[in-house]
Amino acid sequence: MIELLVAMVILSTGLLGVGRLAIGVVEGNLRSRNHGVATLLAQDRIEVLKGLGAGSAAPATEGYGTLPGFPGFKRVTTVQPGVPEAGLSTVTVTVYWDRDRRSAILHALLGP
């Protein structure tokens, strides 16, 4: 009887460890997915600005719930005209999620 009780304790401990591992894998996959989506949203904004050219790039903030299909993300675009030299603009796109606790940042140089 004692052997059975010890076996149950060992089995329960092992199953709890496997359960925690499964939860960690799911959480890691969600973080990876969100980072991938944020990177895609930032790249999309940079591609649009590249099409417009350096002269048309303007700072913008697209708040939570305003990006179609991505309500849990916020995108902030900053533009530094004339940096690093005249005729170029440095554009930084930051995409936030998880209530601004996480972010992905991409930089690009735009020319004429």
PDB file of N, CA and C in Angstrom:
ATOM      1  N   MET A   1       0.813  -1.188   0.000  1.00  0.00           N
ATOM      2  CA  MET A   1       0.000   0.000   0.000  1.00  0.00           C
ATOM      3  C   MET A   1       0.872   1.275   0.000  1.00  0.00           C
ATOM      4  N   ILE A   2       1.936   1.258   0.782  1.00  0.00           N
ATOM      5  CA  ILE A   2       2.834   2.410   0.841  1.00  0.00           C
ATOM      6  C   ILE A   2       3.533   2.589  -0.499  1.00  0.00           C
ATOM      7  N   GLU A   3       3.884   1.465  -1.152  1.00  0.00           N
ATOM      8  CA  GLU A   3       4.520   1.559  -2.464  1.00  0.00           C
ATOM      9  C   GLU A   3       3.593   2.242  -3.467  1.00  0.00           C
ATOM     10  N   LEU A   4       2.324   1.916  -3.392  1.00  0.00           N
ATOM     11  CA  LEU A   4       1.338   2.529  -4.286  1.00  0.00           C
ATOM     12  C   LEU A   4       1.228   4.028  -4.025  1.00  0.00           C
ATOM     13  N   LEU A   5       1.225   4.428  -2.779  1.00  0.00           N
ATOM     14  CA  LEU A   5       1.153   5.833  -2.415  1.00  0.00           C
ATOM     15  C   LEU A   5       2.393   6.584  -2.911  1.00  0.00           C
ATOM     16  N   VAL A   6       3.576   6.016  -2.755  1.00  0.00           N
ATOM     17  CA  VAL A   6       4.813   6.635  -3.230  1.00  0.00           C
ATOM     18  C   VAL A   6       4.788   6.746  -4.749  1.00  0.00           C
ATOM     19  N   ALA A   7       4.333   5.694  -5.417  1.00  0.00           N
ATOM     20  CA  ALA A   7       4.238   5.723  -6.882  1.00  0.00           C
ATOM     21  C   ALA A   7       3.285   6.818  -7.340  1.00  0.00           C
ATOM     22  N   MET A   8       2.174   7.007  -6.671  1.00  0.00           N
ATOM     23  CA  MET A   8       1.204   8.051  -7.027  1.00  0.00           C
ATOM     24  C   MET A   8       1.804   9.444  -6.833  1.00  0.00           C
ATOM     25  N   VAL A   9       2.568   9.639  -5.774  1.00  0.00           N
ATOM     26  CA  VAL A   9       3.211  10.930  -5.527  1.00  0.00           C
ATOM     27  C   VAL A   9       4.231  11.225  -6.631  1.00  0.00           C
ATOM     28  N   ILE A  10       5.024  10.236  -6.999  1.00  0.00           N
ATOM     29  CA  ILE A  10       6.019  10.421  -8.055  1.00  0.00           C
ATOM     30  C   ILE A  10       5.337  10.706  -9.382  1.00  0.00           C
ATOM     31  N   LEU A  11       4.310   9.948  -9.701  1.00  0.00           N
ATOM     32  CA  LEU A  11       3.559  10.149 -10.944  1.00  0.00           C
ATOM     33  C   LEU A  11       2.912  11.534 -10.974  1.00  0.00           C
ATOM     34  N   SER A  12       2.328  11.954  -9.883  1.00  0.00           N
ATOM     35  CA  SER A  12       1.688  13.275  -9.813  1.00  0.00           C
ATOM     36  C   SER A  12       2.710  14.389 -10.012  1.00  0.00           C
ATOM     37  N   THR A  13       3.859  14.250  -9.383  1.00  0.00           N
ATOM     38  CA  THR A  13       4.918  15.251  -9.538  1.00  0.00           C
ATOM     39  C   THR A  13       5.365  15.335 -10.992  1.00  0.00           C
ATOM     40  N   GLY A  14       5.547  14.206 -11.623  1.00  0.00           N
ATOM     41  CA  GLY A  14       5.941  14.187 -13.034  1.00  0.00           C
ATOM     42  C   GLY A  14       4.891  14.812 -13.930  1.00  0.00           C
ATOM     43  N   LEU A  15       3.631  14.509 -13.696  1.00  0.00           N
ATOM     44  CA  LEU A  15       2.553  15.073 -14.510  1.00  0.00           C
ATOM     45  C   LEU A  15       2.422  16.581 -14.315  1.00  0.00           C
ATOM     46  N   LEU A  16       2.651  17.057 -13.108  1.00  0.00           N
ATOM     47  CA  LEU A  16       2.626  18.506 -12.876  1.00  0.00           C
ATOM     48  C   LEU A  16       3.754  19.193 -13.639  1.00  0.00           C
ATOM     49  N   GLY A  17       4.921  18.568 -13.681  1.00  0.00           N
ATOM     50  CA  GLY A  17       6.038  19.124 -14.438  1.00  0.00           C
ATOM     51  C   GLY A  17       5.746  19.168 -15.928  1.00  0.00           C
ATOM     52  N   VAL A  18       5.151  18.121 -16.455  1.00  0.00           N
ATOM     53  CA  VAL A  18       4.784  18.088 -17.875  1.00  0.00           C
ATOM     54  C   VAL A  18       3.725  19.143 -18.167  1.00  0.00           C
ATOM     55  N   GLY A  19       2.791  19.316 -17.269  1.00  0.00           N
ATOM     56  CA  GLY A  19       1.754  20.344 -17.455  1.00  0.00           C
ATOM     57  C   GLY A  19       2.352  21.735 -17.496  1.00  0.00           C
ATOM     58  N   ARG A  20       3.286  22.010 -16.615  1.00  0.00           N
ATOM     59  CA  ARG A  20       3.945  23.321 -16.590  1.00  0.00           C
ATOM     60  C   ARG A  20       4.757  23.533 -17.863  1.00  0.00           C
ATOM     61  N   LEU A  21       5.392  22.496 -18.340  1.00  0.00           N
ATOM     62  CA  LEU A  21       6.150  22.576 -19.580  1.00  0.00           C
ATOM     63  C   LEU A  21       5.229  22.914 -20.756  1.00  0.00           C
ATOM     64  N   ALA A  22       4.073  22.266 -20.803  1.00  0.00           N
ATOM     65  CA  ALA A  22       3.113  22.538 -21.878  1.00  0.00           C
ATOM     66  C   ALA A  22       2.635  23.984 -21.832  1.00  0.00           C
ATOM     67  N   ILE A  23       2.380  24.502 -20.662  1.00  0.00           N
ATOM     68  CA  ILE A  23       1.951  25.896 -20.518  1.00  0.00           C
ATOM     69  C   ILE A  23       3.064  26.835 -20.991  1.00  0.00           C
ATOM     70  N   GLY A  24       4.305  26.538 -20.639  1.00  0.00           N
ATOM     71  CA  GLY A  24       5.441  27.353 -21.075  1.00  0.00           C
ATOM     72  C   GLY A  24       5.584  27.364 -22.591  1.00  0.00           C
ATOM     73  N   VAL A  25       5.360  26.234 -23.225  1.00  0.00           N
ATOM     74  CA  VAL A  25       5.448  26.149 -24.683  1.00  0.00           C
ATOM     75  C   VAL A  25       4.358  26.998 -25.330  1.00  0.00           C
ATOM     76  N   VAL A  26       3.153  26.917 -24.817  1.00  0.00           N
ATOM     77  CA  VAL A  26       2.044  27.711 -25.369  1.00  0.00           C
ATOM     78  C   VAL A  26       2.317  29.205 -25.200  1.00  0.00           C
ATOM     79  N   GLU A  27       2.795  29.615 -24.029  1.00  0.00           N
ATOM     80  CA  GLU A  27       3.113  31.026 -23.803  1.00  0.00           C
ATOM     81  C   GLU A  27       4.235  31.495 -24.724  1.00  0.00           C
ATOM     82  N   GLY A  28       5.252  30.674 -24.911  1.00  0.00           N
ATOM     83  CA  GLY A  28       6.346  31.023 -25.812  1.00  0.00           C
ATOM     84  C   GLY A  28       5.871  31.176 -27.246  1.00  0.00           C
ATOM     85  N   ASN A  29       4.994  30.290 -27.682  1.00  0.00           N
ATOM     86  CA  ASN A  29       4.439  30.394 -29.030  1.00  0.00           C
ATOM     87  C   ASN A  29       3.636  31.674 -29.210  1.00  0.00           C
ATOM     88  N   LEU A  30       2.879  32.061 -28.210  1.00  0.00           N
ATOM     89  CA  LEU A  30       2.092  33.296 -28.290  1.00  0.00           C
ATOM     90  C   LEU A  30       3.005  34.516 -28.366  1.00  0.00           C
ATOM     91  N   ARG A  31       4.070  34.540 -27.554  1.00  0.00           N
ATOM     92  CA  ARG A  31       5.018  35.659 -27.608  1.00  0.00           C
ATOM     93  C   ARG A  31       5.678  35.743 -28.984  1.00  0.00           C
ATOM     94  N   SER A  32       6.056  34.599 -29.511  1.00  0.00           N
ATOM     95  CA  SER A  32       6.689  34.560 -30.826  1.00  0.00           C
ATOM     96  C   SER A  32       5.726  35.035 -31.905  1.00  0.00           C
ATOM     97  N   ARG A  33       4.479  34.617 -31.843  1.00  0.00           N
ATOM     98  CA  ARG A  33       3.477  35.039 -32.820  1.00  0.00           C
ATOM     99  C   ARG A  33       3.276  36.548 -32.761  1.00  0.00           C
ATOM    100  N   ASN A  34       3.130  37.087 -31.561  1.00  0.00           N
ATOM    101  CA  ASN A  34       2.918  38.529 -31.415  1.00  0.00           C
ATOM    102  C   ASN A  34       4.115  39.323 -31.921  1.00  0.00           C
ATOM    103  N   HIS A  35       5.319  38.849 -31.661  1.00  0.00           N
ATOM    104  CA  HIS A  35       6.507  39.550 -32.143  1.00  0.00           C
ATOM    105  C   HIS A  35       6.559  39.509 -33.669  1.00  0.00           C
ATOM    106  N   GLY A  36       6.200  38.386 -34.257  1.00  0.00           N
ATOM    107  CA  GLY A  36       6.156  38.282 -35.715  1.00  0.00           C
ATOM    108  C   GLY A  36       5.128  39.213 -36.330  1.00  0.00           C
ATOM    109  N   VAL A  37       3.945  39.287 -35.724  1.00  0.00           N
ATOM    110  CA  VAL A  37       2.901  40.192 -36.219  1.00  0.00           C
ATOM    111  C   VAL A  37       3.363  41.642 -36.098  1.00  0.00           C
ATOM    112  N   ALA A  38       3.966  41.992 -34.968  1.00  0.00           N
ATOM    113  CA  ALA A  38       4.452  43.366 -34.768  1.00  0.00           C
ATOM    114  C   ALA A  38       5.509  43.724 -35.802  1.00  0.00           C
ATOM    115  N   THR A  39       6.411  42.808 -36.086  1.00  0.00           N
ATOM    116  CA  THR A  39       7.450  43.059 -37.085  1.00  0.00           C
ATOM    117  C   THR A  39       6.835  43.253 -38.465  1.00  0.00           C
ATOM    118  N   LEU A  40       5.849  42.442 -38.804  1.00  0.00           N
ATOM    119  CA  LEU A  40       5.163  42.593 -40.090  1.00  0.00           C
ATOM    120  C   LEU A  40       4.442  43.936 -40.195  1.00  0.00           C
ATOM    121  N   LEU A  41       3.787  44.354 -39.116  1.00  0.00           N
ATOM    122  CA  LEU A  41       3.095  45.642 -39.128  1.00  0.00           C
ATOM    123  C   LEU A  41       4.083  46.799 -39.296  1.00  0.00           C
ATOM    124  N   ALA A  42       5.232  46.702 -38.652  1.00  0.00           N
ATOM    125  CA  ALA A  42       6.248  47.751 -38.791  1.00  0.00           C
ATOM    126  C   ALA A  42       6.808  47.755 -40.218  1.00  0.00           C
ATOM    127  N   GLN A  43       7.092  46.591 -40.747  1.00  0.00           N
ATOM    128  CA  GLN A  43       7.624  46.498 -42.108  1.00  0.00           C
ATOM    129  C   GLN A  43       6.611  47.015 -43.121  1.00  0.00           C
ATOM    130  N   ASP A  44       5.349  46.719 -42.913  1.00  0.00           N
ATOM    131  CA  ASP A  44       4.301  47.208 -43.813  1.00  0.00           C
ATOM    132  C   ASP A  44       4.276  48.731 -43.849  1.00  0.00           C
ATOM    133  N   ARG A  45       4.383  49.350 -42.693  1.00  0.00           N
ATOM    134  CA  ARG A  45       4.379  50.815 -42.629  1.00  0.00           C
ATOM    135  C   ARG A  45       5.606  51.385 -43.342  1.00  0.00           C
ATOM    136  N   ILE A  46       6.758  50.778 -43.156  1.00  0.00           N
ATOM    137  CA  ILE A  46       7.970  51.252 -43.818  1.00  0.00           C
ATOM    138  C   ILE A  46       7.844  51.121 -45.331  1.00  0.00           C
ATOM    139  N   GLU A  47       7.261  50.030 -45.808  1.00  0.00           N
ATOM    140  CA  GLU A  47       7.086  49.849 -47.250  1.00  0.00           C
ATOM    141  C   GLU A  47       6.148  50.907 -47.835  1.00  0.00           C
ATOM    142  N   VAL A  48       5.098  51.242 -47.111  1.00  0.00           N
ATOM    143  CA  VAL A  48       4.188  52.302 -47.571  1.00  0.00           C
ATOM    144  C   VAL A  48       4.938  53.630 -47.656  1.00  0.00           C
ATOM    145  N   LEU A  49       5.731  53.943 -46.634  1.00  0.00           N
ATOM    146  CA  LEU A  49       6.485  55.194 -46.626  1.00  0.00           C
ATOM    147  C   LEU A  49       7.549  55.221 -47.721  1.00  0.00           C
ATOM    148  N   LYS A  50       8.165  54.077 -48.017  1.00  0.00           N
ATOM    149  CA  LYS A  50       9.132  54.016 -49.107  1.00  0.00           C
ATOM    150  C   LYS A  50       8.462  54.365 -50.430  1.00  0.00           C
ATOM    151  N   GLY A  51       7.240  53.910 -50.603  1.00  0.00           N
ATOM    152  CA  GLY A  51       6.496  54.220 -51.820  1.00  0.00           C
ATOM    153  C   GLY A  51       6.172  55.694 -51.945  1.00  0.00           C
ATOM    154  N   LEU A  52       6.001  56.360 -50.805  1.00  0.00           N
ATOM    155  CA  LEU A  52       5.672  57.789 -50.813  1.00  0.00           C
ATOM    156  C   LEU A  52       6.917  58.658 -50.971  1.00  0.00           C
ATOM    157  N   GLY A  53       8.062  58.173 -50.525  1.00  0.00           N
ATOM    158  CA  GLY A  53       9.297  58.952 -50.570  1.00  0.00           C
ATOM    159  C   GLY A  53       9.521  59.722 -49.287  1.00  0.00           C
ATOM    160  N   ALA A  54      10.752  60.191 -49.114  1.00  0.00           N
ATOM    161  CA  ALA A  54      11.153  60.864 -47.882  1.00  0.00           C
ATOM    162  C   ALA A  54      10.355  62.134 -47.629  1.00  0.00           C
ATOM    163  N   GLY A  55      10.016  62.855 -48.687  1.00  0.00           N
ATOM    164  CA  GLY A  55       9.305  64.117 -48.513  1.00  0.00           C
ATOM    165  C   GLY A  55       7.885  63.963 -48.001  1.00  0.00           C
ATOM    166  N   SER A  56       7.281  62.796 -48.212  1.00  0.00           N
ATOM    167  CA  SER A  56       5.891  62.580 -47.797  1.00  0.00           C
ATOM    168  C   SER A  56       5.769  61.842 -46.473  1.00  0.00           C
ATOM    169  N   ALA A  57       6.877  61.374 -45.919  1.00  0.00           N
ATOM    170  CA  ALA A  57       6.829  60.637 -44.656  1.00  0.00           C
ATOM    171  C   ALA A  57       6.462  61.589 -43.522  1.00  0.00           C
ATOM    172  N   ALA A  58       5.490  61.181 -42.737  1.00  0.00           N
ATOM    173  CA  ALA A  58       5.028  62.019 -41.632  1.00  0.00           C
ATOM    174  C   ALA A  58       4.858  61.166 -40.378  1.00  0.00           C
ATOM    175  N   PRO A  59       5.108  61.752 -39.211  1.00  0.00           N
ATOM    176  CA  PRO A  59       4.893  61.008 -37.971  1.00  0.00           C
ATOM    177  C   PRO A  59       3.421  60.652 -37.822  1.00  0.00           C
ATOM    178  N   ALA A  60       3.163  59.515 -37.190  1.00  0.00           N
ATOM    179  CA  ALA A  60       1.775  59.082 -36.985  1.00  0.00           C
ATOM    180  C   ALA A  60       1.719  58.111 -35.819  1.00  0.00           C
ATOM    181  N   THR A  61       0.585  58.117 -35.158  1.00  0.00           N
ATOM    182  CA  THR A  61       0.313  57.127 -34.118  1.00  0.00           C
ATOM    183  C   THR A  61      -1.022  56.483 -34.430  1.00  0.00           C
ATOM    184  N   GLU A  62      -0.999  55.165 -34.567  1.00  0.00           N
ATOM    185  CA  GLU A  62      -2.213  54.390 -34.797  1.00  0.00           C
ATOM    186  C   GLU A  62      -2.453  53.586 -33.518  1.00  0.00           C
ATOM    187  N   GLY A  63      -3.436  54.016 -32.753  1.00  0.00           N
ATOM    188  CA  GLY A  63      -3.673  53.444 -31.436  1.00  0.00           C
ATOM    189  C   GLY A  63      -4.256  52.047 -31.473  1.00  0.00           C
ATOM    190  N   TYR A  64      -4.372  51.481 -30.285  1.00  0.00           N
ATOM    191  CA  TYR A  64      -4.974  50.162 -30.146  1.00  0.00           C
ATOM    192  C   TYR A  64      -6.382  50.177 -30.725  1.00  0.00           C
ATOM    193  N   GLY A  65      -6.700  49.153 -31.493  1.00  0.00           N
ATOM    194  CA  GLY A  65      -8.030  49.044 -32.076  1.00  0.00           C
ATOM    195  C   GLY A  65      -8.190  49.769 -33.398  1.00  0.00           C
ATOM    196  N   THR A  66      -7.163  50.476 -33.865  1.00  0.00           N
ATOM    197  CA  THR A  66      -7.294  51.220 -35.125  1.00  0.00           C
ATOM    198  C   THR A  66      -6.630  50.504 -36.305  1.00  0.00           C
ATOM    199  N   LEU A  67      -5.819  49.494 -36.042  1.00  0.00           N
ATOM    200  CA  LEU A  67      -5.204  48.735 -37.129  1.00  0.00           C
ATOM    201  C   LEU A  67      -6.160  47.605 -37.515  1.00  0.00           C
ATOM    202  N   PRO A  68      -6.714  47.647 -38.713  1.00  0.00           N
ATOM    203  CA  PRO A  68      -7.714  46.639 -39.107  1.00  0.00           C
ATOM    204  C   PRO A  68      -7.176  45.210 -38.990  1.00  0.00           C
ATOM    205  N   GLY A  69      -7.884  44.402 -38.231  1.00  0.00           N
ATOM    206  CA  GLY A  69      -7.507  43.013 -38.033  1.00  0.00           C
ATOM    207  C   GLY A  69      -6.503  42.779 -36.920  1.00  0.00           C
ATOM    208  N   PHE A  70      -5.994  43.855 -36.322  1.00  0.00           N
ATOM    209  CA  PHE A  70      -4.980  43.727 -35.271  1.00  0.00           C
ATOM    210  C   PHE A  70      -5.316  44.652 -34.094  1.00  0.00           C
ATOM    211  N   PRO A  71      -6.415  44.397 -33.393  1.00  0.00           N
ATOM    212  CA  PRO A  71      -6.846  45.315 -32.328  1.00  0.00           C
ATOM    213  C   PRO A  71      -5.906  45.381 -31.129  1.00  0.00           C
ATOM    214  N   GLY A  72      -5.043  44.388 -30.943  1.00  0.00           N
ATOM    215  CA  GLY A  72      -4.165  44.373 -29.783  1.00  0.00           C
ATOM    216  C   GLY A  72      -2.815  45.020 -30.020  1.00  0.00           C
ATOM    217  N   PHE A  73      -2.678  45.763 -31.129  1.00  0.00           N
ATOM    218  CA  PHE A  73      -1.396  46.365 -31.473  1.00  0.00           C
ATOM    219  C   PHE A  73      -1.545  47.868 -31.693  1.00  0.00           C
ATOM    220  N   LYS A  74      -0.482  48.602 -31.368  1.00  0.00           N
ATOM    221  CA  LYS A  74      -0.411  50.047 -31.591  1.00  0.00           C
ATOM    222  C   LYS A  74       0.864  50.327 -32.381  1.00  0.00           C
ATOM    223  N   ARG A  75       0.777  51.198 -33.399  1.00  0.00           N
ATOM    224  CA  ARG A  75       1.930  51.490 -34.252  1.00  0.00           C
ATOM    225  C   ARG A  75       2.243  52.973 -34.192  1.00  0.00           C
ATOM    226  N   VAL A  76       3.506  53.292 -33.892  1.00  0.00           N
ATOM    227  CA  VAL A  76       3.961  54.683 -33.794  1.00  0.00           C
ATOM    228  C   VAL A  76       5.090  54.879 -34.802  1.00  0.00           C
ATOM    229  N   THR A  77       4.923  55.888 -35.656  1.00  0.00           N
ATOM    230  CA  THR A  77       5.930  56.201 -36.670  1.00  0.00           C
ATOM    231  C   THR A  77       6.533  57.556 -36.348  1.00  0.00           C
ATOM    232  N   THR A  78       7.864  57.606 -36.292  1.00  0.00           N
ATOM    233  CA  THR A  78       8.562  58.877 -36.115  1.00  0.00           C
ATOM    234  C   THR A  78       9.458  59.098 -37.333  1.00  0.00           C
ATOM    235  N   VAL A  79       9.609  60.356 -37.709  1.00  0.00           N
ATOM    236  CA  VAL A  79      10.401  60.715 -38.881  1.00  0.00           C
ATOM    237  C   VAL A  79      11.398  61.804 -38.485  1.00  0.00           C
ATOM    238  N   GLN A  80      12.646  61.613 -38.883  1.00  0.00           N
ATOM    239  CA  GLN A  80      13.689  62.612 -38.659  1.00  0.00           C
ATOM    240  C   GLN A  80      14.184  63.073 -40.034  1.00  0.00           C
ATOM    241  N   PRO A  81      13.596  64.153 -40.570  1.00  0.00           N
ATOM    242  CA  PRO A  81      14.044  64.623 -41.879  1.00  0.00           C
ATOM    243  C   PRO A  81      15.462  65.174 -41.811  1.00  0.00           C
ATOM    244  N   GLY A  82      16.214  64.956 -42.892  1.00  0.00           N
ATOM    245  CA  GLY A  82      17.574  65.472 -42.955  1.00  0.00           C
ATOM    246  C   GLY A  82      18.578  64.679 -42.148  1.00  0.00           C
ATOM    247  N   VAL A  83      18.194  63.542 -41.620  1.00  0.00           N
ATOM    248  CA  VAL A  83      19.102  62.701 -40.834  1.00  0.00           C
ATOM    249  C   VAL A  83      19.299  61.398 -41.599  1.00  0.00           C
ATOM    250  N   PRO A  84      20.454  60.983 -41.911  1.00  0.00           N
ATOM    251  CA  PRO A  84      21.765  61.477 -41.512  1.00  0.00           C
ATOM    252  C   PRO A  84      22.295  62.614 -42.376  1.00  0.00           C
ATOM    253  N   GLU A  85      21.636  62.902 -43.517  1.00  0.00           N
ATOM    254  CA  GLU A  85      22.088  64.017 -44.349  1.00  0.00           C
ATOM    255  C   GLU A  85      20.904  64.573 -45.112  1.00  0.00           C
ATOM    256  N   ALA A  86      21.097  65.729 -45.701  1.00  0.00           N
ATOM    257  CA  ALA A  86      20.021  66.388 -46.446  1.00  0.00           C
ATOM    258  C   ALA A  86      19.521  65.464 -47.554  1.00  0.00           C
ATOM    259  N   GLY A  87      18.210  65.446 -47.730  1.00  0.00           N
ATOM    260  CA  GLY A  87      17.592  64.618 -48.758  1.00  0.00           C
ATOM    261  C   GLY A  87      17.186  63.240 -48.271  1.00  0.00           C
ATOM    262  N   LEU A  88      17.650  62.856 -47.098  1.00  0.00           N
ATOM    263  CA  LEU A  88      17.282  61.571 -46.511  1.00  0.00           C
ATOM    264  C   LEU A  88      16.461  61.805 -45.248  1.00  0.00           C
ATOM    265  N   SER A  89      15.692  60.818 -44.894  1.00  0.00           N
ATOM    266  CA  SER A  89      14.949  60.848 -43.633  1.00  0.00           C
ATOM    267  C   SER A  89      15.123  59.510 -42.940  1.00  0.00           C
ATOM    268  N   THR A  90      15.303  59.572 -41.634  1.00  0.00           N
ATOM    269  CA  THR A  90      15.337  58.348 -40.837  1.00  0.00           C
ATOM    270  C   THR A  90      13.941  58.127 -40.275  1.00  0.00           C
ATOM    271  N   VAL A  91      13.392  56.963 -40.569  1.00  0.00           N
ATOM    272  CA  VAL A  91      12.050  56.613 -40.101  1.00  0.00           C
ATOM    273  C   VAL A  91      12.180  55.483 -39.090  1.00  0.00           C
ATOM    274  N   THR A  92      11.493  55.629 -37.970  1.00  0.00           N
ATOM    275  CA  THR A  92      11.447  54.595 -36.950  1.00  0.00           C
ATOM    276  C   THR A  92       9.992  54.213 -36.734  1.00  0.00           C
ATOM    277  N   VAL A  93       9.708  52.930 -36.865  1.00  0.00           N
ATOM    278  CA  VAL A  93       8.353  52.432 -36.620  1.00  0.00           C
ATOM    279  C   VAL A  93       8.421  51.497 -35.418  1.00  0.00           C
ATOM    280  N   THR A  94       7.644  51.816 -34.394  1.00  0.00           N
ATOM    281  CA  THR A  94       7.574  51.002 -33.188  1.00  0.00           C
ATOM    282  C   THR A  94       6.166  50.450 -33.064  1.00  0.00           C
ATOM    283  N   VAL A  95       6.065  49.149 -32.920  1.00  0.00           N
ATOM    284  CA  VAL A  95       4.763  48.506 -32.750  1.00  0.00           C
ATOM    285  C   VAL A  95       4.721  47.941 -31.334  1.00  0.00           C
ATOM    286  N   TYR A  96       3.685  48.338 -30.592  1.00  0.00           N
ATOM    287  CA  TYR A  96       3.512  47.917 -29.196  1.00  0.00           C
ATOM    288  C   TYR A  96       2.377  46.912 -29.100  1.00  0.00           C
ATOM    289  N   TRP A  97       2.470  46.042 -28.116  1.00  0.00           N
ATOM    290  CA  TRP A  97       1.369  45.161 -27.763  1.00  0.00           C
ATOM    291  C   TRP A  97       1.498  44.836 -26.286  1.00  0.00           C
ATOM    292  N   ASP A  98       0.520  44.115 -25.779  1.00  0.00           N
ATOM    293  CA  ASP A  98       0.497  43.756 -24.355  1.00  0.00           C
ATOM    294  C   ASP A  98       0.518  45.007 -23.476  1.00  0.00           C
ATOM    295  N   ARG A  99      -0.349  45.967 -23.840  1.00  0.00           N
ATOM    296  CA  ARG A  99      -0.501  47.240 -23.113  1.00  0.00           C
ATOM    297  C   ARG A  99       0.832  47.993 -22.991  1.00  0.00           C
ATOM    298  N   ASP A 100       1.557  48.074 -24.078  1.00  0.00           N
ATOM    299  CA  ASP A 100       2.839  48.790 -24.173  1.00  0.00           C
ATOM    300  C   ASP A 100       3.978  48.125 -23.394  1.00  0.00           C
ATOM    301  N   ARG A 101       3.778  46.895 -22.921  1.00  0.00           N
ATOM    302  CA  ARG A 101       4.860  46.224 -22.197  1.00  0.00           C
ATOM    303  C   ARG A 101       5.857  45.571 -23.142  1.00  0.00           C
ATOM    304  N   ARG A 102       5.443  45.330 -24.365  1.00  0.00           N
ATOM    305  CA  ARG A 102       6.321  44.705 -25.355  1.00  0.00           C
ATOM    306  C   ARG A 102       6.298  45.532 -26.637  1.00  0.00           C
ATOM    307  N   SER A 103       7.411  45.510 -27.367  1.00  0.00           N
ATOM    308  CA  SER A 103       7.463  46.285 -28.605  1.00  0.00           C
ATOM    309  C   SER A 103       8.474  45.698 -29.579  1.00  0.00           C
ATOM    310  N   ALA A 104       8.280  46.045 -30.836  1.00  0.00           N
ATOM    311  CA  ALA A 104       9.233  45.726 -31.903  1.00  0.00           C
ATOM    312  C   ALA A 104       9.537  47.036 -32.613  1.00  0.00           C
ATOM    313  N   ILE A 105      10.806  47.276 -32.905  1.00  0.00           N
ATOM    314  CA  ILE A 105      11.227  48.545 -33.503  1.00  0.00           C
ATOM    315  C   ILE A 105      12.000  48.263 -34.788  1.00  0.00           C
ATOM    316  N   LEU A 106      11.627  48.979 -35.865  1.00  0.00           N
ATOM    317  CA  LEU A 106      12.358  48.906 -37.114  1.00  0.00           C
ATOM    318  C   LEU A 106      12.734  50.315 -37.537  1.00  0.00           C
ATOM    319  N   HIS A 107      13.939  50.447 -38.112  1.00  0.00           N
ATOM    320  CA  HIS A 107      14.441  51.730 -38.612  1.00  0.00           C
ATOM    321  C   HIS A 107      14.670  51.598 -40.113  1.00  0.00           C
ATOM    322  N   ALA A 108      14.506  52.714 -40.824  1.00  0.00           N
ATOM    323  CA  ALA A 108      14.781  52.717 -42.260  1.00  0.00           C
ATOM    324  C   ALA A 108      15.230  54.119 -42.688  1.00  0.00           C
ATOM    325  N   LEU A 109      16.036  54.162 -43.726  1.00  0.00           N
ATOM    326  CA  LEU A 109      16.412  55.423 -44.348  1.00  0.00           C
ATOM    327  C   LEU A 109      15.585  55.584 -45.623  1.00  0.00           C
ATOM    328  N   LEU A 110      14.949  56.727 -45.764  1.00  0.00           N
ATOM    329  CA  LEU A 110      14.163  57.004 -46.949  1.00  0.00           C
ATOM    330  C   LEU A 110      14.832  58.107 -47.751  1.00  0.00           C
ATOM    331  N   GLY A 111      14.886  57.904 -49.043  1.00  0.00           N
ATOM    332  CA  GLY A 111      15.459  58.894 -49.929  1.00  0.00           C
ATOM    333  C   GLY A 111      14.377  59.501 -50.822  1.00  0.00           C
ATOM    334  N   PRO A 112      14.816  60.355 -51.735  1.00  0.00           N
ATOM    335  CA  PRO A 112      13.848  61.020 -52.610  1.00  0.00           C
ATOM    336  C   PRO A 112      13.144  60.059 -53.551  1.00  0.00           C
TER     337      PRO A 112
END
